[in-house]
Amino acid sequence: MNYKPEYESINFLLNMVCRAQRGTMSDALAEIGLYAGQEMFLWHLWREDGLTQSQMVERMCVQPPTVSKMLDRLEKVGLVERRPDSEDSRISRVYLTEQGHRSQRAVRDVWTDLEQRIAAGLNVEERIVLRRLLLQVHENLTRNP
């Protein structure tokens, strides 16, 4: 394999892209009162309300303290609430509040704006190829070696 300077490597470019995307997303989310990552917590609940913290840890692929901190913050600002499980009182489930449901529109607007910015200057075919390549990179990184 030929050596490439770090700044020419795919890894370096992905790192730069990820940092730029996260920073841009963080700034946009801050305008609607959220921290980066919290939108994904909410997204899982928009898809399936009433998940347990353990389910959130699994779906978000993060450590339990991360989910706990997000949950505390989102509960404090009134976007989610914990309720005991109807069948097992030892388990609590996380539900969106009315405000949490309403926040979906603002988050979708942020995602749409960022998607347009990311894809600016790319034609439809290039967008399709980029998406396919990113899915392949994700699979490569998440598959067991």
Protein backbone atom coordinates (compact mmCIF):
# COMPACT_ATOMS: atom_id res chain seq x y z
CA MET A 1 0.00 0.00 0.00
CA ASN A 2 1.32 3.41 -0.93
CA TYR A 3 1.78 5.90 1.88
CA LYS A 4 -0.35 9.01 1.64
CA PRO A 5 0.14 12.07 3.80
CA GLU A 6 -2.52 12.10 6.49
CA TYR A 7 -4.35 15.05 4.95
CA GLU A 8 -4.89 13.02 1.75
CA SER A 9 -6.33 9.99 3.54
CA ILE A 10 -10.02 9.05 3.63
CA ASN A 11 -9.77 8.82 7.41
CA PHE A 12 -8.51 12.39 7.69
CA LEU A 13 -11.21 13.71 5.35
CA LEU A 14 -13.95 11.82 7.19
CA ASN A 15 -12.71 13.28 10.45
CA MET A 16 -12.84 16.79 9.01
CA VAL A 17 -16.33 16.22 7.56
CA CYS A 18 -17.65 14.73 10.82
CA ARG A 19 -16.29 17.60 12.88
CA ALA A 20 -17.72 20.22 10.49
CA GLN A 21 -21.10 18.47 10.38
CA ARG A 22 -21.27 18.11 14.16
CA GLY A 23 -20.26 21.73 14.74
CA THR A 24 -22.80 23.02 12.24
CA MET A 25 -25.49 20.74 13.68
CA SER A 26 -24.61 21.83 17.23
CA ASP A 27 -24.97 25.49 16.32
CA ALA A 28 -28.31 24.94 14.60
CA LEU A 29 -29.68 22.79 17.44
CA ALA A 30 -28.58 25.37 20.02
CA GLU A 31 -30.88 27.86 18.29
CA ILE A 32 -33.84 25.61 19.15
CA GLY A 33 -32.60 24.82 22.66
CA LEU A 34 -31.02 21.40 22.12
CA TYR A 35 -27.53 19.96 22.44
CA ALA A 36 -26.00 17.76 19.73
CA GLY A 37 -27.11 14.18 20.23
CA GLN A 38 -30.36 15.09 21.93
CA GLU A 39 -32.12 15.21 18.56
CA MET A 40 -31.26 11.54 18.06
CA PHE A 41 -32.64 10.70 21.52
CA LEU A 42 -35.88 12.44 20.54
CA TRP A 43 -35.87 10.81 17.10
CA HIS A 44 -35.95 7.35 18.65
CA LEU A 45 -38.94 8.39 20.76
CA TRP A 46 -40.71 9.92 17.75
CA ARG A 47 -40.38 6.52 16.12
CA GLU A 48 -41.32 4.53 19.24
CA ASP A 49 -42.47 6.39 22.30
CA GLY A 50 -42.15 4.71 25.68
CA LEU A 51 -38.70 3.14 25.38
CA THR A 52 -36.70 2.16 28.45
CA GLN A 53 -33.29 3.68 29.17
CA SER A 54 -31.70 0.33 28.31
CA GLN A 55 -33.39 0.35 24.94
CA MET A 56 -32.16 3.90 24.33
CA VAL A 57 -28.58 2.86 25.19
CA GLU A 58 -28.81 0.01 22.69
CA ARG A 59 -30.40 2.04 19.91
CA MET A 60 -28.11 5.01 20.29
CA CYS A 61 -24.96 2.88 20.70
CA VAL A 62 -23.78 4.96 23.66
CA GLN A 63 -22.92 4.31 27.28
CA PRO A 64 -25.66 4.33 29.96
CA PRO A 65 -24.37 7.54 31.63
CA THR A 66 -24.72 9.36 28.29
CA VAL A 67 -28.37 8.37 28.01
CA SER A 68 -28.95 9.20 31.67
CA LYS A 69 -27.50 12.70 31.25
CA MET A 70 -29.52 13.32 28.07
CA LEU A 71 -32.67 12.09 29.75
CA ASP A 72 -32.12 14.33 32.77
CA ARG A 73 -31.57 17.39 30.57
CA LEU A 74 -34.51 16.66 28.27
CA GLU A 75 -36.77 16.01 31.24
CA LYS A 76 -35.63 19.27 32.89
CA VAL A 77 -36.62 21.31 29.82
CA GLY A 78 -39.96 19.51 29.53
CA LEU A 79 -39.46 17.48 26.36
CA VAL A 80 -39.69 14.01 27.93
CA GLU A 81 -40.99 12.38 31.08
CA ARG A 82 -40.39 9.09 32.85
CA ARG A 83 -43.31 6.88 33.78
CA PRO A 84 -43.41 3.48 35.46
CA ASP A 85 -43.96 0.50 33.18
CA SER A 86 -47.59 -0.67 33.34
CA GLU A 87 -46.54 -4.31 33.82
CA ASP A 88 -43.33 -4.02 35.82
CA SER A 89 -43.04 -1.13 38.27
CA ARG A 90 -39.27 -1.66 38.55
CA ILE A 91 -38.91 -0.40 34.98
CA SER A 92 -39.47 3.17 33.91
CA ARG A 93 -40.22 4.20 30.37
CA VAL A 94 -39.46 7.47 28.62
CA TYR A 95 -42.28 9.31 26.89
CA LEU A 96 -42.42 12.49 24.90
CA THR A 97 -44.37 15.34 26.40
CA GLU A 98 -46.60 17.48 24.21
CA GLN A 99 -43.68 19.88 23.89
CA GLY A 100 -41.45 16.95 22.88
CA HIS A 101 -43.87 16.01 20.11
CA ARG A 102 -43.99 19.62 18.91
CA SER A 103 -40.17 19.84 18.81
CA GLN A 104 -40.10 17.33 15.95
CA ARG A 105 -40.91 20.01 13.38
CA ALA A 106 -38.05 22.27 14.48
CA VAL A 107 -35.56 19.39 14.47
CA ARG A 108 -36.72 18.28 11.01
CA ASP A 109 -36.21 21.84 9.77
CA VAL A 110 -32.63 21.78 11.13
CA TRP A 111 -31.99 18.40 9.45
CA THR A 112 -33.48 19.61 6.15
CA ASP A 113 -31.41 22.79 6.14
CA LEU A 114 -28.21 20.90 6.94
CA GLU A 115 -29.00 18.23 4.33
CA GLN A 116 -29.33 20.96 1.69
CA ARG A 117 -26.08 22.54 2.79
CA ILE A 118 -24.23 19.21 2.75
CA ALA A 119 -25.52 18.33 -0.71
CA ALA A 120 -25.09 21.78 -2.28
CA GLY A 121 -23.35 21.48 -5.64
CA LEU A 122 -24.04 17.75 -5.96
CA ASN A 123 -26.41 16.46 -8.61
CA VAL A 124 -28.93 13.69 -7.92
CA GLU A 125 -26.61 10.91 -9.09
CA GLU A 126 -23.75 12.21 -6.95
CA ARG A 127 -26.04 12.37 -3.92
CA ILE A 128 -27.12 8.77 -4.48
CA VAL A 129 -23.52 7.60 -4.83
CA LEU A 130 -22.41 9.57 -1.76
CA ARG A 131 -25.21 8.04 0.30
CA ARG A 132 -24.33 4.54 -0.90
CA LEU A 133 -20.66 5.07 -0.13
CA LEU A 134 -21.40 6.44 3.35
CA LEU A 135 -23.61 3.43 4.08
CA GLN A 136 -20.76 1.14 3.00
CA VAL A 137 -18.26 3.00 5.19
CA HIS A 138 -20.67 2.75 8.13
CA GLU A 139 -21.07 -0.98 7.55
CA ASN A 140 -17.30 -1.41 7.35
CA LEU A 141 -16.84 0.37 10.67
CA THR A 142 -19.66 -1.33 12.57
CA ARG A 143 -19.18 -4.88 11.35
CA ASN A 144 -17.15 -7.16 13.61
CA PRO A 145 -13.64 -7.69 12.17
